[in-house]
PDB file of N, CA and C in Angstrom:
ATOM      1  N   MET A   1     171.993 124.870  86.272  1.00  0.00           N
ATOM      2  CA  MET A   1     171.522 124.579  84.525  1.00  0.00           C
ATOM      3  C   MET A   1     170.882 125.088  83.796  1.00  0.00           C
ATOM      4  N   THR A   2     170.587 125.179  82.526  1.00  0.00           N
ATOM      5  CA  THR A   2     169.484 125.022  81.685  1.00  0.00           C
ATOM      6  C   THR A   2     169.216 123.848  80.868  1.00  0.00           C
ATOM      7  N   VAL A   3     167.738 123.455  81.367  1.00  0.00           N
ATOM      8  CA  VAL A   3     167.154 122.443  80.528  1.00  0.00           C
ATOM      9  C   VAL A   3     166.333 122.883  79.487  1.00  0.00           C
ATOM     10  N   ILE A   4     166.522 122.025  78.006  1.00  0.00           N
ATOM     11  CA  ILE A   4     166.295 122.424  76.922  1.00  0.00           C
ATOM     12  C   ILE A   4     165.477 121.389  76.585  1.00  0.00           C
ATOM     13  N   THR A   5     164.026 122.218  76.488  1.00  0.00           N
ATOM     14  CA  THR A   5     162.660 121.016  76.875  1.00  0.00           C
ATOM     15  C   THR A   5     162.506 121.305  74.814  1.00  0.00           C
ATOM     16  N   GLU A   6     163.121 121.730  74.122  1.00  0.00           N
ATOM     17  CA  GLU A   6     162.118 121.813  72.944  1.00  0.00           C
ATOM     18  C   GLU A   6     162.666 121.924  72.513  1.00  0.00           C
ATOM     19  N   SER A   7     163.301 121.627  71.071  1.00  0.00           N
ATOM     20  CA  SER A   7     164.234 121.317  69.874  1.00  0.00           C
ATOM     21  C   SER A   7     164.679 122.909  69.558  1.00  0.00           C
ATOM     22  N   LEU A   8     165.185 123.378  69.025  1.00  0.00           N
ATOM     23  CA  LEU A   8     165.948 124.798  68.926  1.00  0.00           C
ATOM     24  C   LEU A   8     166.025 124.291  67.111  1.00  0.00           C
ATOM     25  N   LEU A   9     165.879 123.139  66.477  1.00  0.00           N
ATOM     26  CA  LEU A   9     166.064 122.912  64.769  1.00  0.00           C
ATOM     27  C   LEU A   9     164.820 121.727  64.666  1.00  0.00           C
ATOM     28  N   LEU A  10     164.220 122.192  63.812  1.00  0.00           N
ATOM     29  CA  LEU A  10     162.226 121.658  63.410  1.00  0.00           C
ATOM     30  C   LEU A  10     163.096 120.628  61.829  1.00  0.00           C
ATOM     31  N   ARG A  11     161.931 119.577  62.123  1.00  0.00           N
ATOM     32  CA  ARG A  11     162.234 119.153  60.717  1.00  0.00           C
ATOM     33  C   ARG A  11     161.729 119.916  59.808  1.00  0.00           C
ATOM     34  N   VAL A  12     161.676 119.297  58.181  1.00  0.00           N
ATOM     35  CA  VAL A  12     160.751 119.464  57.468  1.00  0.00           C
ATOM     36  C   VAL A  12     159.418 119.344  57.170  1.00  0.00           C
ATOM     37  N   ASN A  13     158.953 118.335  58.317  1.00  0.00           N
ATOM     38  CA  ASN A  13     157.746 117.868  58.153  1.00  0.00           C
ATOM     39  C   ASN A  13     157.302 118.810  60.192  1.00  0.00           C
ATOM     40  N   GLU A  14     158.412 118.918  60.657  1.00  0.00           N
ATOM     41  CA  GLU A  14     157.371 118.870  61.799  1.00  0.00           C
ATOM     42  C   GLU A  14     157.268 120.869  61.485  1.00  0.00           C
ATOM     43  N   VAL A  15     158.071 121.817  60.943  1.00  0.00           N
ATOM     44  CA  VAL A  15     157.490 122.659  59.692  1.00  0.00           C
ATOM     45  C   VAL A  15     156.199 123.273  58.988  1.00  0.00           C
ATOM     46  N   ALA A  16     156.048 121.900  59.095  1.00  0.00           N
ATOM     47  CA  ALA A  16     154.699 121.226  57.875  1.00  0.00           C
ATOM     48  C   ALA A  16     153.536 120.994  58.684  1.00  0.00           C
ATOM     49  N   ASN A  17     153.742 120.952  59.274  1.00  0.00           N
ATOM     50  CA  ASN A  17     152.566 120.786  60.555  1.00  0.00           C
ATOM     51  C   ASN A  17     151.724 121.556  61.515  1.00  0.00           C
ATOM     52  N   LEU A  18     153.331 122.945  61.729  1.00  0.00           N
ATOM     53  CA  LEU A  18     153.645 123.445  62.735  1.00  0.00           C
ATOM     54  C   LEU A  18     152.561 124.637  62.009  1.00  0.00           C
ATOM     55  N   LEU A  19     153.439 124.865  60.854  1.00  0.00           N
ATOM     56  CA  LEU A  19     152.288 126.305  59.546  1.00  0.00           C
ATOM     57  C   LEU A  19     151.140 125.833  58.697  1.00  0.00           C
ATOM     58  N   GLY A  20     150.967 124.429  59.067  1.00  0.00           N
ATOM     59  CA  GLY A  20     149.900 124.100  58.324  1.00  0.00           C
ATOM     60  C   GLY A  20     149.800 124.156  57.099  1.00  0.00           C
ATOM     61  N   ILE A  21     150.833 123.476  56.115  1.00  0.00           N
ATOM     62  CA  ILE A  21     151.123 123.923  55.040  1.00  0.00           C
ATOM     63  C   ILE A  21     151.843 121.866  54.494  1.00  0.00           C
ATOM     64  N   SER A  22     152.322 121.393  53.470  1.00  0.00           N
ATOM     65  CA  SER A  22     152.353 120.601  53.280  1.00  0.00           C
ATOM     66  C   SER A  22     154.055 120.658  53.088  1.00  0.00           C
ATOM     67  N   ARG A  23     154.648 119.535  53.264  1.00  0.00           N
ATOM     68  CA  ARG A  23     156.391 119.534  52.940  1.00  0.00           C
ATOM     69  C   ARG A  23     157.369 119.599  51.877  1.00  0.00           C
ATOM     70  N   SER A  24     156.447 120.466  50.519  1.00  0.00           N
ATOM     71  CA  SER A  24     156.387 120.944  49.423  1.00  0.00           C
ATOM     72  C   SER A  24     156.878 121.945  49.336  1.00  0.00           C
ATOM     73  N   ALA A  25     155.484 122.434  50.022  1.00  0.00           N
ATOM     74  CA  ALA A  25     155.123 124.095  50.166  1.00  0.00           C
ATOM     75  C   ALA A  25     156.370 124.854  51.050  1.00  0.00           C
ATOM     76  N   VAL A  26     156.693 124.206  52.039  1.00  0.00           N
ATOM     77  CA  VAL A  26     158.313 124.671  53.225  1.00  0.00           C
ATOM     78  C   VAL A  26     159.290 124.132  51.844  1.00  0.00           C
ATOM     79  N   TYR A  27     159.405 123.549  51.199  1.00  0.00           N
ATOM     80  CA  TYR A  27     160.573 123.580  50.306  1.00  0.00           C
ATOM     81  C   TYR A  27     160.962 125.271  49.369  1.00  0.00           C
ATOM     82  N   ARG A  28     159.306 125.679  49.279  1.00  0.00           N
ATOM     83  CA  ARG A  28     159.096 126.711  47.888  1.00  0.00           C
ATOM     84  C   ARG A  28     159.791 127.468  48.979  1.00  0.00           C
ATOM     85  N   LEU A  29     159.057 127.044  50.094  1.00  0.00           N
ATOM     86  CA  LEU A  29     159.932 127.879  50.629  1.00  0.00           C
ATOM     87  C   LEU A  29     161.253 128.981  51.168  1.00  0.00           C
ATOM     88  N   ILE A  30     161.842 127.600  51.611  1.00  0.00           N
ATOM     89  CA  ILE A  30     163.116 127.735  51.538  1.00  0.00           C
ATOM     90  C   ILE A  30     164.252 127.859  50.419  1.00  0.00           C
ATOM     91  N   GLY A  31     163.512 127.327  49.248  1.00  0.00           N
ATOM     92  CA  GLY A  31     163.850 127.638  48.091  1.00  0.00           C
ATOM     93  C   GLY A  31     164.010 129.574  47.720  1.00  0.00           C
ATOM     94  N   SER A  32     162.712 129.681  48.123  1.00  0.00           N
ATOM     95  CA  SER A  32     163.028 131.208  47.152  1.00  0.00           C
ATOM     96  C   SER A  32     163.316 132.591  48.522  1.00  0.00           C
ATOM     97  N   ASN A  33     163.900 131.691  49.281  1.00  0.00           N
ATOM     98  CA  ASN A  33     164.959 132.631  50.252  1.00  0.00           C
ATOM     99  C   ASN A  33     163.673 133.270  51.387  1.00  0.00           C
ATOM    100  N   GLN A  34     162.229 132.620  51.135  1.00  0.00           N
ATOM    101  CA  GLN A  34     161.057 132.957  52.576  1.00  0.00           C
ATOM    102  C   GLN A  34     161.614 132.475  54.146  1.00  0.00           C
ATOM    103  N   LEU A  35     162.030 131.193  53.981  1.00  0.00           N
ATOM    104  CA  LEU A  35     162.769 130.671  55.052  1.00  0.00           C
ATOM    105  C   LEU A  35     163.911 129.816  55.670  1.00  0.00           C
ATOM    106  N   GLN A  36     165.224 130.472  56.109  1.00  0.00           N
ATOM    107  CA  GLN A  36     166.441 130.308  56.485  1.00  0.00           C
ATOM    108  C   GLN A  36     165.856 128.801  56.800  1.00  0.00           C
ATOM    109  N   ALA A  37     166.984 127.858  56.548  1.00  0.00           N
ATOM    110  CA  ALA A  37     167.417 126.366  56.841  1.00  0.00           C
ATOM    111  C   ALA A  37     168.243 126.383  56.884  1.00  0.00           C
ATOM    112  N   VAL A  38     168.873 125.438  57.974  1.00  0.00           N
ATOM    113  CA  VAL A  38     170.108 125.210  58.106  1.00  0.00           C
ATOM    114  C   VAL A  38     171.322 123.181  57.162  1.00  0.00           C
ATOM    115  N   GLN A  39     171.528 123.305  56.706  1.00  0.00           N
ATOM    116  CA  GLN A  39     171.759 122.084  56.185  1.00  0.00           C
ATOM    117  C   GLN A  39     173.180 121.492  57.125  1.00  0.00           C
ATOM    118  N   VAL A  40     172.625 120.317  57.765  1.00  0.00           N
ATOM    119  CA  VAL A  40     172.475 120.192  59.071  1.00  0.00           C
ATOM    120  C   VAL A  40     173.898 118.734  58.672  1.00  0.00           C
ATOM    121  N   ASN A  41     173.369 118.039  57.718  1.00  0.00           N
ATOM    122  CA  ASN A  41     174.308 116.591  57.170  1.00  0.00           C
ATOM    123  C   ASN A  41     174.254 116.539  55.556  1.00  0.00           C
ATOM    124  N   GLU A  42     174.917 115.953  54.556  1.00  0.00           N
ATOM    125  CA  GLU A  42     174.438 116.124  53.377  1.00  0.00           C
ATOM    126  C   GLU A  42     173.698 115.669  52.746  1.00  0.00           C
ATOM    127  N   ARG A  43     171.997 114.631  53.841  1.00  0.00           N
ATOM    128  CA  ARG A  43     170.743 114.502  53.747  1.00  0.00           C
ATOM    129  C   ARG A  43     169.608 116.102  54.251  1.00  0.00           C
ATOM    130  N   SER A  44     170.214 115.912  54.750  1.00  0.00           N
ATOM    131  CA  SER A  44     168.955 116.985  56.495  1.00  0.00           C
ATOM    132  C   SER A  44     169.310 118.013  56.294  1.00  0.00           C
ATOM    133  N   VAL A  45     168.288 118.471  55.811  1.00  0.00           N
ATOM    134  CA  VAL A  45     167.810 119.997  56.545  1.00  0.00           C
ATOM    135  C   VAL A  45     167.104 120.573  57.561  1.00  0.00           C
ATOM    136  N   ARG A  46     167.931 121.813  58.647  1.00  0.00           N
ATOM    137  CA  ARG A  46     166.609 121.697  59.802  1.00  0.00           C
ATOM    138  C   ARG A  46     166.527 123.724  59.916  1.00  0.00           C
ATOM    139  N   ILE A  47     165.374 124.272  61.181  1.00  0.00           N
ATOM    140  CA  ILE A  47     164.680 124.692  60.333  1.00  0.00           C
ATOM    141  C   ILE A  47     165.239 126.197  61.595  1.00  0.00           C
ATOM    142  N   ALA A  48     165.187 126.670  62.519  1.00  0.00           N
ATOM    143  CA  ALA A  48     165.298 127.494  63.788  1.00  0.00           C
ATOM    144  C   ALA A  48     163.836 127.107  63.780  1.00  0.00           C
ATOM    145  N   ARG A  49     163.842 127.202  65.685  1.00  0.00           N
ATOM    146  CA  ARG A  49     162.429 127.553  65.818  1.00  0.00           C
ATOM    147  C   ARG A  49     162.151 128.478  65.714  1.00  0.00           C
ATOM    148  N   SER A  50     162.631 130.304  66.117  1.00  0.00           N
ATOM    149  CA  SER A  50     163.080 130.857  65.601  1.00  0.00           C
ATOM    150  C   SER A  50     162.556 131.718  63.966  1.00  0.00           C
ATOM    151  N   GLU A  51     162.897 130.945  63.074  1.00  0.00           N
ATOM    152  CA  GLU A  51     163.525 131.307  62.032  1.00  0.00           C
ATOM    153  C   GLU A  51     161.850 131.266  61.309  1.00  0.00           C
ATOM    154  N   VAL A  52     160.919 130.383  61.797  1.00  0.00           N
ATOM    155  CA  VAL A  52     159.205 129.731  62.001  1.00  0.00           C
ATOM    156  C   VAL A  52     158.716 131.166  62.522  1.00  0.00           C
ATOM    157  N   SER A  53     158.943 131.063  63.326  1.00  0.00           N
ATOM    158  CA  SER A  53     158.477 132.696  64.352  1.00  0.00           C
ATOM    159  C   SER A  53     158.433 133.360  63.232  1.00  0.00           C
ATOM    160  N   ARG A  54     160.001 134.478  62.936  1.00  0.00           N
ATOM    161  CA  ARG A  54     160.252 135.140  62.110  1.00  0.00           C
ATOM    162  C   ARG A  54     159.163 135.329  61.135  1.00  0.00           C
ATOM    163  N   TYR A  55     159.356 134.153  60.304  1.00  0.00           N
ATOM    164  CA  TYR A  55     158.996 133.977  59.153  1.00  0.00           C
ATOM    165  C   TYR A  55     157.202 134.418  59.371  1.00  0.00           C
ATOM    166  N   VAL A  56     156.619 134.299  60.529  1.00  0.00           N
ATOM    167  CA  VAL A  56     155.074 133.993  60.952  1.00  0.00           C
ATOM    168  C   VAL A  56     155.193 135.578  60.765  1.00  0.00           C
ATOM    169  N   GLU A  57     155.366 135.869  61.989  1.00  0.00           N
ATOM    170  CA  GLU A  57     155.564 137.754  61.844  1.00  0.00           C
ATOM    171  C   GLU A  57     155.515 138.867  60.534  1.00  0.00           C
ATOM    172  N   SER A  58     156.716 138.052  59.486  1.00  0.00           N
ATOM    173  CA  SER A  58     156.858 138.977  58.665  1.00  0.00           C
ATOM    174  C   SER A  58     155.439 138.623  57.555  1.00  0.00           C
ATOM    175  N   LEU A  59     154.276 137.671  58.185  1.00  0.00           N
ATOM    176  CA  LEU A  59     153.429 137.864  57.381  1.00  0.00           C
ATOM    177  C   LEU A  59     152.166 138.335  58.243  1.00  0.00           C
ATOM    178  N   ARG A  60     152.837 138.429  59.304  1.00  0.00           N
ATOM    179  CA  ARG A  60     151.705 139.601  59.981  1.00  0.00           C
ATOM    180  C   ARG A  60     151.824 141.794  59.533  1.00  0.00           C
ATOM    181  N   VAL A  61     153.001 141.618  59.150  1.00  0.00           N
ATOM    182  CA  VAL A  61     153.655 143.027  59.234  1.00  0.00           C
ATOM    183  C   VAL A  61     152.709 143.267  58.136  1.00  0.00           C
ATOM    184  N   LYS A  62     152.748 141.985  56.722  1.00  0.00           N
ATOM    185  CA  LYS A  62     152.372 142.420  55.127  1.00  0.00           C
ATOM    186  C   LYS A  62     151.144 142.810  55.386  1.00  0.00           C
ATOM    187  N   GLU A  63     150.198 142.014  56.319  1.00  0.00           N
ATOM    188  CA  GLU A  63     149.010 141.816  56.319  1.00  0.00           C
ATOM    189  C   GLU A  63     148.554 143.412  56.842  1.00  0.00           C
ATOM    190  N   ALA A  64     148.906 143.838  57.754  1.00  0.00           N
ATOM    191  CA  ALA A  64     149.040 145.003  58.826  1.00  0.00           C
ATOM    192  C   ALA A  64     148.830 146.193  57.706  1.00  0.00           C
ATOM    193  N   SER A  65     150.663 145.862  57.247  1.00  0.00           N
ATOM    194  CA  SER A  65     150.470 146.908  55.482  1.00  0.00           C
ATOM    195  C   SER A  65     149.242 147.441  54.776  1.00  0.00           C
ATOM    196  N   ALA A  66     149.034 146.103  55.026  1.00  0.00           N
ATOM    197  CA  ALA A  66     147.937 146.127  52.914  1.00  0.00           C
ATOM    198  C   ALA A  66     146.381 146.432  52.913  1.00  0.00           C
TER     199      ALA A  66
END
């Protein structure tokens, strides 16, 4: 049996803490489609942990090619 120790979906404030940015900056990233979010109910959005990793990796690629 596999036990998941970390949440697969993160709250906006958790993503903000991980990236060291504000909550409003996370919402701007979502609004500009740089960070994909999922709507879990009419008031809540979550971001997959893998999506945060993908976003960070996309930043590295841009820096390496500049």
